[in-house]
Amino acid sequence: MKYINTDLLNTLTAEAKNSPRKRMNYNFHKTGDELLQRMLNALEPETYLPPHRHTKQVEIFLLLRGKLTVVFFDDFGNIIETQKLDPLVGNHGVEIPTGVWHTILAEESGSVIYEIKQGPYIPNAGMEFAPWAPEHSESDACELYLASLKKQVLKLSEK
């Protein structure tokens, strides 16, 4: 039996805060071979998740605590939709169809999602990173892109 409780969320959040990437996952599946991949992802506001899409699988996020914005893009990197997730106001999650460009912005420290995807897990198979966004290895470009993206999302939410 595996339980999701405050102690687990707090431990995972502490690990995310101390991680250079400002995020940390906890897998419930034992191996990447399992047909249902289930994990917790603790995300801090400084984390950069490169915009990407899944070409063969649906992705589901359920926000357990904190606040997030899920950002959806067209093929050119233009924002086409945003969805604020905050369980305290009744917005708990999103199911992202195959082929949709997206990223997640952590709006609050201690944010944790429960993520579900079809397996088996094969690193980068069925996942395509957006050609119009910086890669993780480009740390300065990532910081600039993340700041710009947050400003764009804020501006859109004010309309």
N, C-alpha and C. Protein backbone atom coordinates (compact mmCIF):
# COMPACT_ATOMS: atom_id res chain seq x y z
N MET A 1 0.84 -1.17 0.00
CA MET A 1 0.00 0.00 0.00
C MET A 1 0.89 1.24 0.00
N LYS A 2 0.51 2.21 -0.79
CA LYS A 2 1.25 3.47 -0.83
C LYS A 2 0.28 4.59 -0.52
N TYR A 3 0.72 5.52 0.32
CA TYR A 3 -0.14 6.61 0.75
C TYR A 3 0.45 7.95 0.36
N ILE A 4 -0.43 8.87 0.01
CA ILE A 4 -0.04 10.25 -0.25
C ILE A 4 -0.51 11.05 0.95
N ASN A 5 0.45 11.55 1.72
CA ASN A 5 0.10 12.31 2.91
C ASN A 5 0.99 13.55 3.04
N THR A 6 0.71 14.36 4.03
CA THR A 6 1.44 15.61 4.22
C THR A 6 2.93 15.37 4.42
N ASP A 7 3.30 14.33 5.15
CA ASP A 7 4.72 14.04 5.36
C ASP A 7 5.44 13.79 4.03
N LEU A 8 4.83 13.01 3.16
CA LEU A 8 5.43 12.73 1.86
C LEU A 8 5.53 14.02 1.03
N LEU A 9 4.46 14.81 1.01
CA LEU A 9 4.49 16.07 0.25
C LEU A 9 5.54 17.02 0.79
N ASN A 10 5.67 17.10 2.12
CA ASN A 10 6.67 17.98 2.72
C ASN A 10 8.09 17.51 2.42
N THR A 11 8.32 16.23 2.49
CA THR A 11 9.65 15.68 2.17
C THR A 11 10.02 15.96 0.72
N LEU A 12 9.08 15.71 -0.17
CA LEU A 12 9.32 15.93 -1.59
C LEU A 12 9.54 17.41 -1.89
N THR A 13 8.79 18.28 -1.25
CA THR A 13 8.96 19.72 -1.42
C THR A 13 10.33 20.17 -0.94
N ALA A 14 10.78 19.65 0.19
CA ALA A 14 12.12 20.00 0.70
C ALA A 14 13.20 19.57 -0.29
N GLU A 15 13.03 18.39 -0.89
CA GLU A 15 13.99 17.91 -1.89
C GLU A 15 13.97 18.80 -3.13
N ALA A 16 12.79 19.26 -3.54
CA ALA A 16 12.67 20.14 -4.71
C ALA A 16 13.37 21.47 -4.43
N LYS A 17 13.16 22.01 -3.24
CA LYS A 17 13.79 23.29 -2.89
C LYS A 17 15.31 23.20 -2.91
N ASN A 18 15.84 22.04 -2.57
CA ASN A 18 17.30 21.84 -2.55
C ASN A 18 17.88 21.35 -3.87
N SER A 19 17.02 21.04 -4.82
CA SER A 19 17.46 20.55 -6.12
C SER A 19 17.85 21.72 -7.01
N PRO A 20 18.91 21.57 -7.80
CA PRO A 20 19.28 22.65 -8.73
C PRO A 20 18.17 22.98 -9.72
N ARG A 21 17.35 21.99 -10.09
CA ARG A 21 16.27 22.22 -11.05
C ARG A 21 14.99 22.69 -10.39
N LYS A 22 14.96 22.76 -9.07
CA LYS A 22 13.82 23.23 -8.28
C LYS A 22 12.55 22.40 -8.51
N ARG A 23 12.77 21.11 -8.70
CA ARG A 23 11.66 20.17 -8.76
C ARG A 23 12.17 18.78 -8.40
N MET A 24 11.23 17.93 -8.00
CA MET A 24 11.59 16.57 -7.61
C MET A 24 10.39 15.68 -7.80
N ASN A 25 10.65 14.47 -8.30
CA ASN A 25 9.53 13.55 -8.46
C ASN A 25 9.68 12.34 -7.54
N TYR A 26 8.56 11.69 -7.30
CA TYR A 26 8.47 10.48 -6.49
C TYR A 26 7.62 9.51 -7.29
N ASN A 27 8.22 8.42 -7.73
CA ASN A 27 7.51 7.45 -8.57
C ASN A 27 6.77 6.42 -7.72
N PHE A 28 5.53 6.16 -8.10
CA PHE A 28 4.77 5.07 -7.49
C PHE A 28 4.96 3.79 -8.28
N HIS A 29 5.23 3.90 -9.58
CA HIS A 29 5.50 2.71 -10.39
C HIS A 29 6.91 2.22 -10.05
N LYS A 30 7.08 0.91 -10.05
CA LYS A 30 8.37 0.32 -9.66
C LYS A 30 9.41 0.42 -10.76
N THR A 31 8.98 0.28 -12.00
CA THR A 31 9.91 0.33 -13.13
C THR A 31 9.27 1.12 -14.26
N GLY A 32 10.09 1.51 -15.22
CA GLY A 32 9.59 2.20 -16.40
C GLY A 32 8.81 1.30 -17.33
N ASP A 33 8.84 -0.01 -17.06
CA ASP A 33 8.13 -0.96 -17.91
C ASP A 33 6.63 -1.02 -17.64
N GLU A 34 6.21 -0.50 -16.50
CA GLU A 34 4.78 -0.57 -16.15
C GLU A 34 3.95 0.23 -17.15
N LEU A 35 2.76 -0.26 -17.43
CA LEU A 35 1.91 0.36 -18.43
C LEU A 35 1.19 1.61 -17.93
N LEU A 36 1.23 1.84 -16.63
CA LEU A 36 0.68 3.07 -16.06
C LEU A 36 1.75 3.72 -15.20
N GLN A 37 2.24 4.86 -15.66
CA GLN A 37 3.26 5.61 -14.93
C GLN A 37 2.55 6.60 -14.01
N ARG A 38 2.87 6.53 -12.70
CA ARG A 38 2.23 7.37 -11.70
C ARG A 38 3.30 7.99 -10.83
N MET A 39 3.23 9.31 -10.66
CA MET A 39 4.27 9.97 -9.87
C MET A 39 3.76 11.27 -9.26
N LEU A 40 4.44 11.68 -8.22
CA LEU A 40 4.26 13.01 -7.66
C LEU A 40 5.38 13.87 -8.21
N ASN A 41 5.08 15.13 -8.50
CA ASN A 41 6.09 16.09 -8.90
C ASN A 41 5.93 17.33 -8.03
N ALA A 42 6.97 17.62 -7.24
CA ALA A 42 7.00 18.85 -6.45
C ALA A 42 7.69 19.90 -7.30
N LEU A 43 7.05 21.04 -7.44
CA LEU A 43 7.53 22.10 -8.33
C LEU A 43 7.64 23.41 -7.57
N GLU A 44 8.79 24.04 -7.65
CA GLU A 44 8.99 25.35 -7.05
C GLU A 44 8.87 26.42 -8.14
N PRO A 45 8.56 27.67 -7.76
CA PRO A 45 8.36 28.72 -8.76
C PRO A 45 9.55 28.95 -9.69
N GLU A 46 10.75 28.61 -9.28
CA GLU A 46 11.93 28.83 -10.12
C GLU A 46 12.18 27.72 -11.14
N THR A 47 11.40 26.65 -11.08
CA THR A 47 11.66 25.54 -11.99
C THR A 47 11.27 25.89 -13.43
N TYR A 48 12.02 25.35 -14.36
CA TYR A 48 11.73 25.53 -15.78
C TYR A 48 11.41 24.18 -16.39
N LEU A 49 10.19 24.04 -16.85
CA LEU A 49 9.77 22.84 -17.57
C LEU A 49 9.67 23.24 -19.04
N PRO A 50 10.60 22.81 -19.87
CA PRO A 50 10.57 23.21 -21.28
C PRO A 50 9.23 22.85 -21.93
N PRO A 51 8.65 23.78 -22.68
CA PRO A 51 7.43 23.44 -23.40
C PRO A 51 7.66 22.18 -24.25
N HIS A 52 6.67 21.30 -24.23
CA HIS A 52 6.81 20.03 -24.93
C HIS A 52 5.42 19.50 -25.27
N ARG A 53 5.42 18.41 -26.02
CA ARG A 53 4.18 17.69 -26.28
C ARG A 53 4.48 16.21 -26.31
N HIS A 54 3.44 15.45 -26.03
CA HIS A 54 3.55 13.99 -26.06
C HIS A 54 2.86 13.52 -27.33
N THR A 55 3.58 12.77 -28.12
CA THR A 55 3.05 12.35 -29.43
C THR A 55 2.26 11.05 -29.38
N LYS A 56 2.35 10.32 -28.25
CA LYS A 56 1.69 9.02 -28.19
C LYS A 56 0.85 8.80 -26.94
N GLN A 57 0.80 9.81 -26.06
CA GLN A 57 0.09 9.57 -24.81
C GLN A 57 -0.60 10.83 -24.29
N VAL A 58 -1.65 10.60 -23.57
CA VAL A 58 -2.36 11.64 -22.84
C VAL A 58 -1.61 11.83 -21.52
N GLU A 59 -1.63 13.05 -21.02
CA GLU A 59 -0.98 13.34 -19.74
C GLU A 59 -2.02 13.96 -18.82
N ILE A 60 -2.04 13.51 -17.58
CA ILE A 60 -3.01 14.01 -16.61
C ILE A 60 -2.27 14.55 -15.40
N PHE A 61 -2.64 15.76 -14.97
CA PHE A 61 -2.11 16.37 -13.76
C PHE A 61 -3.26 16.62 -12.80
N LEU A 62 -3.07 16.23 -11.55
CA LEU A 62 -3.99 16.58 -10.48
C LEU A 62 -3.18 17.35 -9.44
N LEU A 63 -3.57 18.56 -9.15
CA LEU A 63 -2.83 19.38 -8.20
C LEU A 63 -3.29 19.05 -6.79
N LEU A 64 -2.35 18.59 -5.98
CA LEU A 64 -2.66 18.21 -4.60
C LEU A 64 -2.57 19.40 -3.65
N ARG A 65 -1.60 20.29 -3.91
CA ARG A 65 -1.51 21.51 -3.11
C ARG A 65 -0.71 22.55 -3.89
N GLY A 66 -0.93 23.81 -3.53
CA GLY A 66 -0.23 24.90 -4.19
C GLY A 66 -1.06 25.50 -5.30
N LYS A 67 -0.37 26.24 -6.17
CA LYS A 67 -1.02 26.88 -7.32
C LYS A 67 -0.11 26.75 -8.53
N LEU A 68 -0.72 26.44 -9.67
CA LEU A 68 0.00 26.29 -10.93
C LEU A 68 -0.77 26.98 -12.05
N THR A 69 -0.05 27.30 -13.11
CA THR A 69 -0.69 27.69 -14.36
C THR A 69 -0.18 26.74 -15.43
N VAL A 70 -1.10 26.11 -16.13
CA VAL A 70 -0.75 25.27 -17.26
C VAL A 70 -0.90 26.16 -18.49
N VAL A 71 0.15 26.20 -19.32
CA VAL A 71 0.18 27.06 -20.49
C VAL A 71 0.18 26.18 -21.74
N PHE A 72 -0.72 26.51 -22.68
CA PHE A 72 -0.82 25.78 -23.94
C PHE A 72 -0.39 26.69 -25.08
N PHE A 73 0.31 26.13 -26.05
CA PHE A 73 0.89 26.90 -27.15
C PHE A 73 0.43 26.35 -28.50
N ASP A 74 0.53 27.22 -29.52
CA ASP A 74 0.37 26.74 -30.89
C ASP A 74 1.74 26.27 -31.38
N ASP A 75 1.82 25.88 -32.63
CA ASP A 75 3.07 25.33 -33.17
C ASP A 75 4.20 26.36 -33.29
N PHE A 76 3.87 27.63 -33.10
CA PHE A 76 4.88 28.69 -33.24
C PHE A 76 5.31 29.27 -31.89
N GLY A 77 4.76 28.74 -30.80
CA GLY A 77 5.13 29.21 -29.48
C GLY A 77 4.24 30.30 -28.93
N ASN A 78 3.16 30.60 -29.63
CA ASN A 78 2.21 31.60 -29.13
C ASN A 78 1.28 30.95 -28.11
N ILE A 79 1.03 31.64 -27.02
CA ILE A 79 0.11 31.12 -26.01
C ILE A 79 -1.31 31.14 -26.57
N ILE A 80 -1.96 29.99 -26.52
CA ILE A 80 -3.34 29.91 -27.01
C ILE A 80 -4.34 29.75 -25.87
N GLU A 81 -3.84 29.32 -24.70
CA GLU A 81 -4.74 29.14 -23.56
C GLU A 81 -3.90 28.97 -22.31
N THR A 82 -4.45 29.41 -21.18
CA THR A 82 -3.84 29.13 -19.88
C THR A 82 -4.93 28.61 -18.96
N GLN A 83 -4.53 27.80 -18.02
CA GLN A 83 -5.49 27.28 -17.04
C GLN A 83 -4.83 27.35 -15.66
N LYS A 84 -5.42 28.14 -14.78
CA LYS A 84 -4.94 28.23 -13.40
C LYS A 84 -5.48 27.04 -12.63
N LEU A 85 -4.60 26.38 -11.91
CA LEU A 85 -5.01 25.28 -11.04
C LEU A 85 -4.79 25.69 -9.59
N ASP A 86 -5.83 25.55 -8.80
CA ASP A 86 -5.79 25.89 -7.39
C ASP A 86 -6.90 25.09 -6.72
N PRO A 87 -6.56 24.04 -5.99
CA PRO A 87 -7.60 23.20 -5.39
C PRO A 87 -8.47 23.96 -4.39
N LEU A 88 -7.97 25.06 -3.83
CA LEU A 88 -8.76 25.82 -2.86
C LEU A 88 -9.94 26.56 -3.51
N VAL A 89 -9.87 26.75 -4.85
CA VAL A 89 -11.00 27.38 -5.54
C VAL A 89 -11.70 26.41 -6.49
N GLY A 90 -11.35 25.12 -6.38
CA GLY A 90 -12.06 24.11 -7.15
C GLY A 90 -11.46 23.74 -8.49
N ASN A 91 -10.27 24.24 -8.82
CA ASN A 91 -9.59 23.86 -10.07
C ASN A 91 -8.48 22.88 -9.72
N HIS A 92 -8.74 21.60 -9.97
CA HIS A 92 -7.87 20.55 -9.47
C HIS A 92 -6.89 19.96 -10.46
N GLY A 93 -7.20 19.99 -11.74
CA GLY A 93 -6.31 19.32 -12.67
C GLY A 93 -6.69 19.52 -14.11
N VAL A 94 -5.94 18.83 -14.96
CA VAL A 94 -6.15 18.94 -16.40
C VAL A 94 -5.71 17.64 -17.07
N GLU A 95 -6.43 17.26 -18.11
CA GLU A 95 -6.02 16.15 -18.97
C GLU A 95 -5.59 16.77 -20.29
N ILE A 96 -4.33 16.54 -20.66
CA ILE A 96 -3.75 17.15 -21.85
C ILE A 96 -3.74 16.12 -22.97
N PRO A 97 -4.45 16.39 -24.06
CA PRO A 97 -4.50 15.43 -25.17
C PRO A 97 -3.14 15.27 -25.84
N THR A 98 -2.99 14.19 -26.52
CA THR A 98 -1.80 13.93 -27.33
C THR A 98 -1.58 15.08 -28.32
N GLY A 99 -0.31 15.48 -28.47
CA GLY A 99 0.05 16.45 -29.48
C GLY A 99 -0.11 17.91 -29.11
N VAL A 100 -0.48 18.22 -27.88
CA VAL A 100 -0.69 19.61 -27.46
C VAL A 100 0.57 20.13 -26.76
N TRP A 101 1.11 21.24 -27.28
CA TRP A 101 2.28 21.88 -26.66
C TRP A 101 1.85 22.47 -25.31
N HIS A 102 2.66 22.25 -24.27
CA HIS A 102 2.31 22.76 -22.96
C HIS A 102 3.54 22.88 -22.05
N THR A 103 3.36 23.64 -21.00
CA THR A 103 4.31 23.71 -19.90
C THR A 103 3.53 24.04 -18.65
N ILE A 104 4.21 23.98 -17.51
CA ILE A 104 3.59 24.29 -16.22
C ILE A 104 4.43 25.35 -15.53
N LEU A 105 3.76 26.34 -14.97
CA LEU A 105 4.41 27.36 -14.16
C LEU A 105 3.94 27.18 -12.72
N ALA A 106 4.87 26.96 -11.82
CA ALA A 106 4.53 26.88 -10.40
C ALA A 106 4.35 28.29 -9.87
N GLU A 107 3.18 28.57 -9.34
CA GLU A 107 2.86 29.91 -8.86
C GLU A 107 3.11 30.05 -7.36
N GLU A 108 3.29 28.93 -6.68
CA GLU A 108 3.42 28.95 -5.23
C GLU A 108 4.42 27.88 -4.79
N SER A 109 5.27 28.23 -3.86
CA SER A 109 6.22 27.25 -3.31
C SER A 109 5.43 26.12 -2.64
N GLY A 110 5.94 24.91 -2.78
CA GLY A 110 5.28 23.75 -2.19
C GLY A 110 4.21 23.13 -3.06
N SER A 111 4.12 23.55 -4.32
CA SER A 111 3.13 22.98 -5.24
C SER A 111 3.52 21.54 -5.58
N VAL A 112 2.54 20.65 -5.54
CA VAL A 112 2.78 19.23 -5.84
C VAL A 112 1.64 18.71 -6.71
N ILE A 113 2.01 18.06 -7.81
CA ILE A 113 1.02 17.43 -8.69
C ILE A 113 1.16 15.92 -8.64
N TYR A 114 0.06 15.25 -8.88
CA TYR A 114 0.04 13.81 -9.12
C TYR A 114 -0.11 13.68 -10.62
N GLU A 115 0.85 13.02 -11.24
CA GLU A 115 0.89 12.91 -12.70
C GLU A 115 0.67 11.46 -13.12
N ILE A 116 -0.12 11.30 -14.17
CA ILE A 116 -0.43 9.97 -14.68
C ILE A 116 -0.21 9.97 -16.18
N LYS A 117 0.54 8.98 -16.66
CA LYS A 117 0.78 8.81 -18.09
C LYS A 117 0.81 7.33 -18.43
N GLN A 118 0.52 7.06 -19.68
CA GLN A 118 0.61 5.69 -20.17
C GLN A 118 2.09 5.31 -20.28
N GLY A 119 2.43 4.09 -19.90
CA GLY A 119 3.78 3.57 -20.05
C GLY A 119 3.83 2.63 -21.24
N PRO A 120 4.93 1.97 -21.42
CA PRO A 120 6.14 2.05 -20.60
C PRO A 120 6.91 3.35 -20.83
N TYR A 121 7.74 3.68 -19.86
CA TYR A 121 8.56 4.88 -19.95
C TYR A 121 9.84 4.58 -20.72
N ILE A 122 10.03 5.30 -21.79
CA ILE A 122 11.26 5.23 -22.57
C ILE A 122 11.74 6.68 -22.68
N PRO A 123 12.89 7.02 -22.08
CA PRO A 123 13.32 8.42 -22.05
C PRO A 123 13.23 9.11 -23.41
N ASN A 124 12.49 10.22 -23.43
CA ASN A 124 12.30 11.09 -24.59
C ASN A 124 11.57 10.46 -25.77
N ALA A 125 11.17 9.20 -25.66
CA ALA A 125 10.37 8.59 -26.74
C ALA A 125 8.94 9.09 -26.62
N GLY A 126 8.38 9.53 -27.71
CA GLY A 126 7.02 10.03 -27.69
C GLY A 126 6.89 11.40 -27.07
N MET A 127 8.03 12.05 -26.83
CA MET A 127 8.03 13.40 -26.25
C MET A 127 8.87 14.29 -27.14
N GLU A 128 8.29 15.42 -27.49
CA GLU A 128 8.97 16.35 -28.39
C GLU A 128 9.09 17.70 -27.68
N PHE A 129 10.31 18.22 -27.58
CA PHE A 129 10.52 19.53 -26.98
C PHE A 129 10.33 20.60 -28.04
N ALA A 130 9.76 21.72 -27.61
CA ALA A 130 9.44 22.81 -28.53
C ALA A 130 10.71 23.42 -29.10
N PRO A 131 10.79 23.56 -30.43
CA PRO A 131 11.98 24.13 -31.04
C PRO A 131 12.13 25.63 -30.78
N TRP A 132 11.07 26.30 -30.35
CA TRP A 132 11.08 27.74 -30.11
C TRP A 132 11.38 28.11 -28.66
N ALA A 133 11.70 27.13 -27.83
CA ALA A 133 12.01 27.40 -26.41
C ALA A 133 13.39 26.85 -26.07
N PRO A 134 14.07 27.48 -25.11
CA PRO A 134 15.42 27.02 -24.78
C PRO A 134 15.42 25.64 -24.11
N GLU A 135 16.54 24.95 -24.30
CA GLU A 135 16.74 23.65 -23.65
C GLU A 135 17.26 23.87 -22.24
N HIS A 136 17.14 22.85 -21.40
CA HIS A 136 17.60 22.93 -20.02
C HIS A 136 19.06 23.35 -19.90
N SER A 137 19.87 22.94 -20.83
CA SER A 137 21.31 23.21 -20.75
C SER A 137 21.65 24.69 -20.92
N GLU A 138 20.71 25.46 -21.45
CA GLU A 138 20.92 26.89 -21.68
C GLU A 138 20.35 27.68 -20.49
N SER A 139 21.04 27.66 -19.35
CA SER A 139 20.47 28.18 -18.11
C SER A 139 20.09 29.66 -18.18
N ASP A 140 20.94 30.51 -18.77
CA ASP A 140 20.60 31.93 -18.86
C ASP A 140 19.38 32.14 -19.75
N ALA A 141 19.34 31.45 -20.87
CA ALA A 141 18.20 31.57 -21.79
C ALA A 141 16.93 31.05 -21.12
N CYS A 142 17.05 30.00 -20.32
CA CYS A 142 15.89 29.45 -19.62
C CYS A 142 15.32 30.46 -18.64
N GLU A 143 16.19 31.13 -17.89
CA GLU A 143 15.74 32.14 -16.93
C GLU A 143 15.00 33.27 -17.63
N LEU A 144 15.57 33.73 -18.74
CA LEU A 144 14.94 34.82 -19.50
C LEU A 144 13.60 34.38 -20.08
N TYR A 145 13.56 33.18 -20.64
CA TYR A 145 12.33 32.67 -21.23
C TYR A 145 11.25 32.51 -20.16
N LEU A 146 11.62 31.95 -19.01
CA LEU A 146 10.66 31.73 -17.92
C LEU A 146 10.10 33.07 -17.44
N ALA A 147 10.95 34.07 -17.27
CA ALA A 147 10.49 35.39 -16.85
C ALA A 147 9.54 36.00 -17.88
N SER A 148 9.90 35.87 -19.15
CA SER A 148 9.06 36.39 -20.23
C SER A 148 7.71 35.68 -20.26
N LEU A 149 7.74 34.37 -20.10
CA LEU A 149 6.50 33.58 -20.12
C LEU A 149 5.59 33.98 -18.97
N LYS A 150 6.16 34.17 -17.79
CA LYS A 150 5.35 34.58 -16.63
C LYS A 150 4.72 35.95 -16.86
N LYS A 151 5.47 36.86 -17.48
CA LYS A 151 4.92 38.20 -17.78
C LYS A 151 3.77 38.10 -18.78
N GLN A 152 3.94 37.25 -19.80
CA GLN A 152 2.88 37.07 -20.80
C GLN A 152 1.62 36.50 -20.17
N VAL A 153 1.80 35.51 -19.30
CA VAL A 153 0.66 34.87 -18.63
C VAL A 153 -0.04 35.88 -17.73
N LEU A 154 0.72 36.68 -17.00
CA LEU A 154 0.14 37.71 -16.14
C LEU A 154 -0.67 38.71 -16.96
N LYS A 155 -0.09 39.14 -18.06
CA LYS A 155 -0.76 40.11 -18.94
C LYS A 155 -2.08 39.53 -19.47
N LEU A 156 -2.05 38.27 -19.88
CA LEU A 156 -3.27 37.61 -20.38
C LEU A 156 -4.33 37.49 -19.30
N SER A 157 -3.90 37.24 -18.07
CA SER A 157 -4.88 37.07 -16.97
C SER A 157 -5.52 38.39 -16.57
N GLU A 158 -4.88 39.50 -16.91
CA GLU A 158 -5.43 40.83 -16.58
C GLU A 158 -6.48 41.27 -17.58
N LYS A 159 -6.59 40.59 -18.71
CA LYS A 159 -7.58 40.97 -19.73
C LYS A 159 -8.95 40.48 -19.38
